[in-house]
Amino acid sequence: MTSRSRRTAFVEISIISDRPGRTFSQVVDDQERTKRGKRAENESTVTPTGGFSNDRMAADPSDDSFYLSPPAADSSSPPTSISLPTFPCFNNYKSSKSFPKNFQKTMDIGTITVSRLFAMYTSNLLWSLFLTSTAIHAVALITSPIQAVHKWVRRQSSDSDTPIPYLCAVIGSSLWLRYSMFLQDTKLILLQTYAVFMQASFVAMLVFYRSKKTQRRLLRVVSLIILGLFSLFYYIQRLNEDDGKELTGRIASGAQIAGSLVCPYLIYKAVTSGCIDFVPLAPVVFTWFMEFHAIVYSIGIDDFYMLLANTIFFCMDGSLLSMFFIFPTEKKA
């Protein structure tokens, strides 16, 4: 390039520059600094309503550096209360890893009152009544073996009762309790915790009132069950959350489905004997209604494993219930 062309280019660059006599690279650097300054100013701008400017809301909410900060205090105006759900960016940012999962629940704990609880209960009255009915049925069904315990205490012996139903019940409840922890369903966790406590107490009473001849054998079986459950839960704990939830759901539903297979055996026994006097009607009806409640609840929380297990048990128990309308409950003399 000749000296004349260099002077011409320098003049052209000076014309587009806001300060003649500067080089093109200096002009570009000034423009970049100006853009960065405006961007920083837009990001720090707060609207009078306590929200952020449009440029701020357009920022990437998945960035961990994107935090919701209240507006700067202004002594000339009263403080403005900020409600996080009113921010358009709140719903997107709520999925960020740095955002606490139970943040909204934590904010509401201090404002719980009797009137608010009543309002929450009546806001969806039909579903609340259904949950109340489910809880009553479940508690009554779990507590029903207390009659057998009373019989053991009166006789000072439990040798007449088989331990299989009680052992199966405590295994199933323990599995569903671990599964409900994955679901983070407080109602289900409380119910299954109560079930495990009561059924473990029944097993303890069963062992205590057993004769010494069979007590040691039953203790060995109970010890193996406890060891197996702890080993399974330890293995599940080492898995990631999704794999642990899937494995626990499969085992819990499979165990309940296996337990429901006793119904076809009882149906076969009723057909061959022509009478169904070996099982009372009340527990069968009660269990059938409880399974119906469990099906509706599993649909409400959209859980596949609970729906599958309870639907199969509902059909099995319903088939057994139909035998009471076909065969007599007492043998003819």
Protein backbone atom coordinates (compact mmCIF):
# COMPACT_ATOMS: atom_id res chain seq x y z
CA MET A 1 0.00 0.00 0.00
CA THR A 2 1.36 3.43 -0.99
CA SER A 3 1.57 6.38 1.33
CA ARG A 4 -1.35 8.03 -0.50
CA SER A 5 -3.64 5.00 -0.03
CA ARG A 6 -2.63 4.72 3.66
CA ARG A 7 -3.57 8.36 4.20
CA THR A 8 -6.91 7.80 2.41
CA ALA A 9 -7.73 4.77 4.61
CA PHE A 10 -6.73 6.70 7.73
CA VAL A 11 -9.07 9.54 6.72
CA GLU A 12 -11.95 7.07 6.12
CA ILE A 13 -11.41 5.45 9.51
CA SER A 14 -11.27 8.85 11.14
CA ILE A 15 -14.60 9.78 9.53
CA ILE A 16 -16.46 6.76 10.99
CA SER A 17 -14.83 7.30 14.37
CA ASP A 18 -16.39 9.56 16.96
CA ARG A 19 -12.92 10.95 17.61
CA PRO A 20 -10.91 11.70 14.45
CA GLY A 21 -7.32 10.63 14.43
CA ARG A 22 -7.91 7.23 16.13
CA THR A 23 -7.14 3.89 14.52
CA PHE A 24 -9.82 1.38 13.47
CA SER A 25 -8.90 -1.11 16.23
CA GLN A 26 -9.30 1.61 18.84
CA VAL A 27 -12.76 2.41 17.47
CA VAL A 28 -13.77 -1.26 17.63
CA ASP A 29 -12.47 -1.57 21.20
CA ASP A 30 -14.50 1.49 22.25
CA GLN A 31 -17.64 0.06 20.68
CA GLU A 32 -17.17 -3.28 22.49
CA ARG A 33 -16.66 -1.51 25.82
CA THR A 34 -19.79 0.55 25.19
CA LYS A 35 -21.84 -2.58 24.44
CA ARG A 36 -20.58 -4.34 27.57
CA GLY A 37 -21.39 -1.30 29.66
CA LYS A 38 -24.95 -1.11 28.32
CA ARG A 39 -25.44 -4.85 28.83
CA ALA A 40 -24.27 -4.63 32.44
CA GLU A 41 -26.53 -1.64 33.01
CA ASN A 42 -29.55 -3.50 31.60
CA GLU A 43 -28.84 -6.57 33.74
CA SER A 44 -28.68 -4.52 36.91
CA THR A 45 -31.79 -2.47 36.13
CA VAL A 46 -34.77 -3.13 38.41
CA THR A 47 -38.33 -2.18 37.54
CA PRO A 48 -40.38 -0.14 40.07
CA THR A 49 -42.71 -3.12 40.74
CA GLY A 50 -39.90 -5.25 42.12
CA GLY A 51 -39.37 -7.24 38.90
CA PHE A 52 -36.52 -7.15 36.44
CA SER A 53 -36.23 -5.44 33.09
CA ASN A 54 -36.96 -7.28 29.86
CA ASP A 55 -33.25 -7.77 29.18
CA ARG A 56 -32.84 -9.30 32.62
CA MET A 57 -35.78 -11.60 32.12
CA ALA A 58 -34.36 -12.68 28.76
CA ALA A 59 -31.23 -13.93 30.46
CA ASP A 60 -30.60 -17.63 30.60
CA PRO A 61 -32.42 -18.91 33.73
CA SER A 62 -30.48 -22.15 33.76
CA ASP A 63 -27.28 -20.28 34.58
CA ASP A 64 -26.38 -20.74 38.24
CA SER A 65 -25.23 -17.12 38.36
CA PHE A 66 -28.78 -15.96 37.63
CA TYR A 67 -30.26 -15.12 41.02
CA LEU A 68 -33.40 -13.26 41.96
CA SER A 69 -32.35 -10.31 44.07
CA PRO A 70 -34.73 -7.72 45.54
CA PRO A 71 -34.59 -4.12 44.37
CA ALA A 72 -32.32 -1.66 46.11
CA ALA A 73 -33.84 0.07 49.08
CA ASP A 74 -35.19 3.54 48.34
CA SER A 75 -35.76 5.79 51.31
CA SER A 76 -38.17 7.97 49.34
CA SER A 77 -40.65 5.16 48.64
CA PRO A 78 -42.14 2.48 50.92
CA PRO A 79 -40.65 -1.01 50.60
CA THR A 80 -42.26 -3.18 47.99
CA SER A 81 -43.02 -6.81 48.86
CA ILE A 82 -41.74 -9.33 46.38
CA SER A 83 -43.73 -12.43 45.44
CA LEU A 84 -41.46 -14.87 43.64
CA PRO A 85 -44.19 -16.68 41.67
CA THR A 86 -45.06 -13.39 39.91
CA PHE A 87 -41.72 -13.35 38.09
CA PRO A 88 -42.01 -14.76 34.56
CA CYS A 89 -38.56 -16.26 34.94
CA PHE A 90 -39.47 -18.03 38.23
CA ASN A 91 -40.99 -21.12 36.66
CA ASN A 92 -37.94 -21.72 34.48
CA TYR A 93 -35.45 -20.99 37.22
CA LYS A 94 -37.24 -23.31 39.62
CA SER A 95 -35.77 -26.25 37.72
CA SER A 96 -32.20 -25.08 38.33
CA LYS A 97 -30.02 -27.31 40.49
CA SER A 98 -29.23 -24.47 42.86
CA PHE A 99 -32.90 -23.87 43.63
CA PRO A 100 -34.15 -25.76 46.71
CA LYS A 101 -36.85 -28.31 45.89
CA ASN A 102 -38.98 -27.58 48.94
CA PHE A 103 -38.53 -23.80 48.79
CA GLN A 104 -42.22 -23.00 48.39
CA LYS A 105 -43.21 -25.50 51.11
CA THR A 106 -40.63 -23.98 53.44
CA MET A 107 -42.09 -20.53 52.91
CA ASP A 108 -45.60 -21.76 53.81
CA ILE A 109 -44.75 -23.63 57.02
CA GLY A 110 -44.84 -20.55 59.22
CA THR A 111 -48.26 -19.48 57.95
CA ILE A 112 -50.18 -22.71 58.67
CA THR A 113 -53.29 -22.06 60.76
CA VAL A 114 -56.49 -23.96 61.52
CA SER A 115 -58.49 -21.77 59.16
CA ARG A 116 -55.97 -22.29 56.40
CA LEU A 117 -55.96 -26.06 56.90
CA PHE A 118 -59.76 -26.06 56.74
CA ALA A 119 -59.64 -23.98 53.56
CA MET A 120 -57.12 -26.39 52.03
CA TYR A 121 -59.31 -29.36 53.00
CA THR A 122 -62.47 -27.86 51.51
CA SER A 123 -60.78 -26.51 48.38
CA ASN A 124 -61.13 -29.98 46.82
CA LEU A 125 -63.70 -31.53 49.10
CA LEU A 126 -64.36 -34.70 47.08
CA TRP A 127 -60.68 -35.68 46.94
CA SER A 128 -60.16 -34.78 50.61
CA LEU A 129 -63.10 -36.98 51.64
CA PHE A 130 -61.73 -39.81 49.53
CA LEU A 131 -58.31 -39.51 51.21
CA THR A 132 -59.98 -39.50 54.62
CA SER A 133 -61.94 -42.64 53.74
CA THR A 134 -58.77 -44.31 52.45
CA ALA A 135 -56.88 -43.50 55.64
CA ILE A 136 -59.69 -44.85 57.85
CA HIS A 137 -59.94 -48.08 55.83
CA ALA A 138 -56.16 -48.55 55.82
CA VAL A 139 -55.74 -47.95 59.55
CA ALA A 140 -58.62 -50.30 60.36
CA LEU A 141 -57.25 -53.01 58.05
CA ILE A 142 -53.73 -52.71 59.47
CA THR A 143 -55.02 -52.83 63.05
CA SER A 144 -57.39 -55.79 62.48
CA PRO A 145 -54.87 -58.48 63.66
CA ILE A 146 -55.15 -57.03 67.16
CA GLN A 147 -57.94 -59.58 67.69
CA ALA A 148 -55.45 -62.40 67.11
CA VAL A 149 -53.02 -60.81 69.58
CA HIS A 150 -55.80 -60.67 72.18
CA LYS A 151 -56.40 -64.38 71.60
CA TRP A 152 -52.68 -65.15 72.04
CA VAL A 153 -52.56 -63.23 75.30
CA ARG A 154 -55.65 -64.99 76.60
CA ARG A 155 -54.35 -68.44 75.66
CA GLN A 156 -50.69 -67.61 76.37
CA SER A 157 -49.86 -69.33 73.09
CA SER A 158 -49.76 -68.46 69.38
CA ASP A 159 -49.08 -71.96 68.07
CA SER A 160 -52.54 -72.21 66.51
CA ASP A 161 -51.83 -69.40 64.01
CA THR A 162 -49.50 -69.62 61.04
CA PRO A 163 -46.85 -66.85 60.85
CA ILE A 164 -46.87 -66.68 57.02
CA PRO A 165 -49.50 -63.89 56.64
CA TYR A 166 -47.80 -61.71 59.27
CA LEU A 167 -44.33 -62.17 57.77
CA CYS A 168 -45.60 -61.44 54.25
CA ALA A 169 -47.38 -58.33 55.51
CA VAL A 170 -44.29 -56.84 57.17
CA ILE A 171 -42.15 -57.58 54.09
CA GLY A 172 -44.66 -55.93 51.75
CA SER A 173 -45.14 -52.89 53.96
CA SER A 174 -41.37 -52.43 54.30
CA LEU A 175 -40.95 -52.48 50.52
CA TRP A 176 -43.81 -50.03 49.96
CA LEU A 177 -42.39 -47.76 52.69
CA ARG A 178 -39.06 -47.60 50.86
CA TYR A 179 -40.87 -46.97 47.59
CA SER A 180 -42.98 -44.18 49.09
CA MET A 181 -39.73 -42.46 50.15
CA PHE A 182 -38.74 -42.33 46.49
CA LEU A 183 -42.15 -40.82 45.69
CA GLN A 184 -41.71 -38.26 48.51
CA ASP A 185 -45.42 -38.69 49.30
CA THR A 186 -45.89 -37.67 52.95
CA LYS A 187 -49.30 -39.32 53.32
CA LEU A 188 -48.05 -42.62 51.93
CA ILE A 189 -44.89 -42.51 54.05
CA LEU A 190 -46.89 -41.97 57.25
CA LEU A 191 -49.34 -44.75 56.38
CA GLN A 192 -46.64 -47.28 55.50
CA THR A 193 -44.60 -46.35 58.59
CA TYR A 194 -47.65 -47.08 60.73
CA ALA A 195 -48.16 -50.36 58.86
CA VAL A 196 -44.54 -51.49 59.37
CA PHE A 197 -44.66 -50.59 63.07
CA MET A 198 -47.94 -52.43 63.73
CA GLN A 199 -47.07 -55.52 61.68
CA ALA A 200 -43.61 -55.77 63.23
CA SER A 201 -45.30 -55.60 66.65
CA PHE A 202 -47.64 -58.44 65.66
CA VAL A 203 -44.68 -60.57 64.56
CA ALA A 204 -42.89 -59.83 67.85
CA MET A 205 -45.97 -60.90 69.83
CA LEU A 206 -46.29 -63.99 67.65
CA VAL A 207 -42.71 -64.98 68.45
CA PHE A 208 -43.06 -64.13 72.14
CA TYR A 209 -46.11 -66.37 72.66
CA ARG A 210 -44.72 -69.21 70.55
CA SER A 211 -43.79 -72.44 72.27
CA LYS A 212 -40.07 -72.95 72.78
CA LYS A 213 -40.05 -75.82 70.33
CA THR A 214 -40.99 -73.61 67.38
CA GLN A 215 -39.82 -70.25 68.77
CA ARG A 216 -36.18 -70.73 67.78
CA ARG A 217 -37.11 -71.79 64.27
CA LEU A 218 -39.36 -68.75 63.87
CA LEU A 219 -36.63 -66.48 65.25
CA ARG A 220 -34.21 -67.77 62.62
CA VAL A 221 -36.74 -67.08 59.88
CA VAL A 222 -37.38 -63.55 61.18
CA SER A 223 -33.64 -62.88 61.43
CA LEU A 224 -33.12 -64.00 57.82
CA ILE A 225 -35.95 -61.73 56.66
CA ILE A 226 -34.49 -58.73 58.52
CA LEU A 227 -31.03 -59.44 57.12
CA GLY A 228 -32.42 -59.80 53.61
CA LEU A 229 -34.38 -56.54 53.80
CA PHE A 230 -31.41 -54.59 55.14
CA SER A 231 -29.15 -56.02 52.43
CA LEU A 232 -31.69 -55.11 49.74
CA PHE A 233 -32.16 -51.58 51.06
CA TYR A 234 -28.39 -51.11 51.29
CA TYR A 235 -28.03 -52.15 47.66
CA ILE A 236 -30.89 -49.85 46.62
CA GLN A 237 -29.29 -46.97 48.51
CA ARG A 238 -26.13 -47.33 46.42
CA LEU A 239 -28.07 -46.97 43.17
CA ASN A 240 -29.05 -43.65 41.66
CA GLU A 241 -32.53 -42.38 42.42
CA ASP A 242 -34.22 -43.46 39.19
CA ASP A 243 -32.78 -46.99 39.19
CA GLY A 244 -33.50 -47.41 42.91
CA LYS A 245 -37.09 -46.28 42.49
CA GLU A 246 -37.64 -48.60 39.54
CA LEU A 247 -36.11 -51.62 41.29
CA THR A 248 -38.04 -51.01 44.53
CA GLY A 249 -41.30 -50.53 42.62
CA ARG A 250 -40.82 -53.78 40.74
CA ILE A 251 -40.00 -55.78 43.86
CA ALA A 252 -42.83 -54.25 45.92
CA SER A 253 -45.45 -54.74 43.22
CA GLY A 254 -44.16 -58.25 42.48
CA ALA A 255 -44.38 -59.18 46.17
CA GLN A 256 -47.96 -57.91 46.39
CA ILE A 257 -48.96 -59.73 43.21
CA ALA A 258 -47.40 -62.93 44.57
CA GLY A 259 -49.37 -62.48 47.78
CA SER A 260 -52.60 -62.13 45.83
CA LEU A 261 -52.11 -65.61 44.35
CA VAL A 262 -53.54 -67.06 47.56
CA CYS A 263 -56.97 -66.04 46.26
CA PRO A 264 -57.00 -68.54 43.33
CA TYR A 265 -56.02 -71.27 45.79
CA LEU A 266 -58.94 -70.36 48.05
CA ILE A 267 -61.25 -70.26 45.03
CA TYR A 268 -60.07 -73.74 44.01
CA LYS A 269 -60.68 -74.97 47.55
CA ALA A 270 -64.21 -73.51 47.53
CA VAL A 271 -65.04 -75.11 44.17
CA THR A 272 -63.77 -78.56 45.17
CA SER A 273 -65.46 -78.53 48.58
CA GLY A 274 -68.68 -76.86 47.42
CA CYS A 275 -68.54 -74.60 50.47
CA ILE A 276 -66.62 -71.51 51.55
CA ASP A 277 -66.59 -71.84 55.32
CA PHE A 278 -62.80 -71.62 55.73
CA VAL A 279 -62.51 -67.84 55.33
CA PRO A 280 -64.76 -65.13 56.83
CA LEU A 281 -66.63 -62.72 54.58
CA ALA A 282 -65.78 -59.46 56.39
CA PRO A 283 -61.99 -59.39 55.74
CA VAL A 284 -62.51 -60.24 52.07
CA VAL A 285 -65.01 -57.40 51.60
CA PHE A 286 -62.87 -55.00 53.60
CA THR A 287 -59.75 -55.83 51.58
CA TRP A 288 -61.67 -55.46 48.31
CA PHE A 289 -62.80 -51.95 49.23
CA MET A 290 -59.28 -51.07 50.39
CA GLU A 291 -57.83 -52.17 47.05
CA PHE A 292 -60.38 -50.02 45.26
CA HIS A 293 -59.23 -47.01 47.27
CA ALA A 294 -55.61 -47.86 46.47
CA ILE A 295 -56.36 -48.02 42.73
CA VAL A 296 -58.00 -44.60 42.72
CA TYR A 297 -55.15 -43.13 44.76
CA SER A 298 -52.50 -44.61 42.45
CA ILE A 299 -54.31 -43.05 39.50
CA GLY A 300 -54.41 -39.74 41.35
CA ILE A 301 -50.65 -39.73 41.92
CA ASP A 302 -49.97 -41.31 38.51
CA ASP A 303 -47.91 -44.26 39.73
CA PHE A 304 -47.65 -47.36 37.55
CA TYR A 305 -46.34 -49.91 40.06
CA MET A 306 -49.01 -49.18 42.69
CA LEU A 307 -51.72 -49.24 40.02
CA LEU A 308 -50.54 -52.59 38.61
CA ALA A 309 -50.21 -54.36 41.96
CA ASN A 310 -53.48 -53.08 43.43
CA THR A 311 -55.47 -53.74 40.25
CA ILE A 312 -54.37 -57.39 40.15
CA PHE A 313 -55.07 -57.80 43.88
CA PHE A 314 -58.47 -56.13 43.39
CA CYS A 315 -59.41 -58.60 40.65
CA MET A 316 -58.16 -61.61 42.62
CA ASP A 317 -59.95 -60.59 45.80
CA GLY A 318 -63.10 -59.74 43.83
CA SER A 319 -63.11 -63.24 42.35
CA LEU A 320 -62.84 -64.70 45.84
CA LEU A 321 -65.64 -62.42 47.01
CA SER A 322 -67.92 -63.75 44.25
CA MET A 323 -67.59 -67.25 45.73
CA PHE A 324 -69.69 -66.12 48.71
CA PHE A 325 -72.61 -65.55 46.33
CA ILE A 326 -72.19 -68.94 44.64
CA PHE A 327 -71.42 -71.38 47.45
CA PRO A 328 -72.88 -71.58 50.96
CA THR A 329 -70.85 -70.46 53.94
CA GLU A 330 -71.80 -73.55 55.99
CA LYS A 331 -71.71 -77.20 55.06
CA LYS A 332 -75.02 -79.00 54.94
CA ALA A 333 -75.53 -81.63 57.60
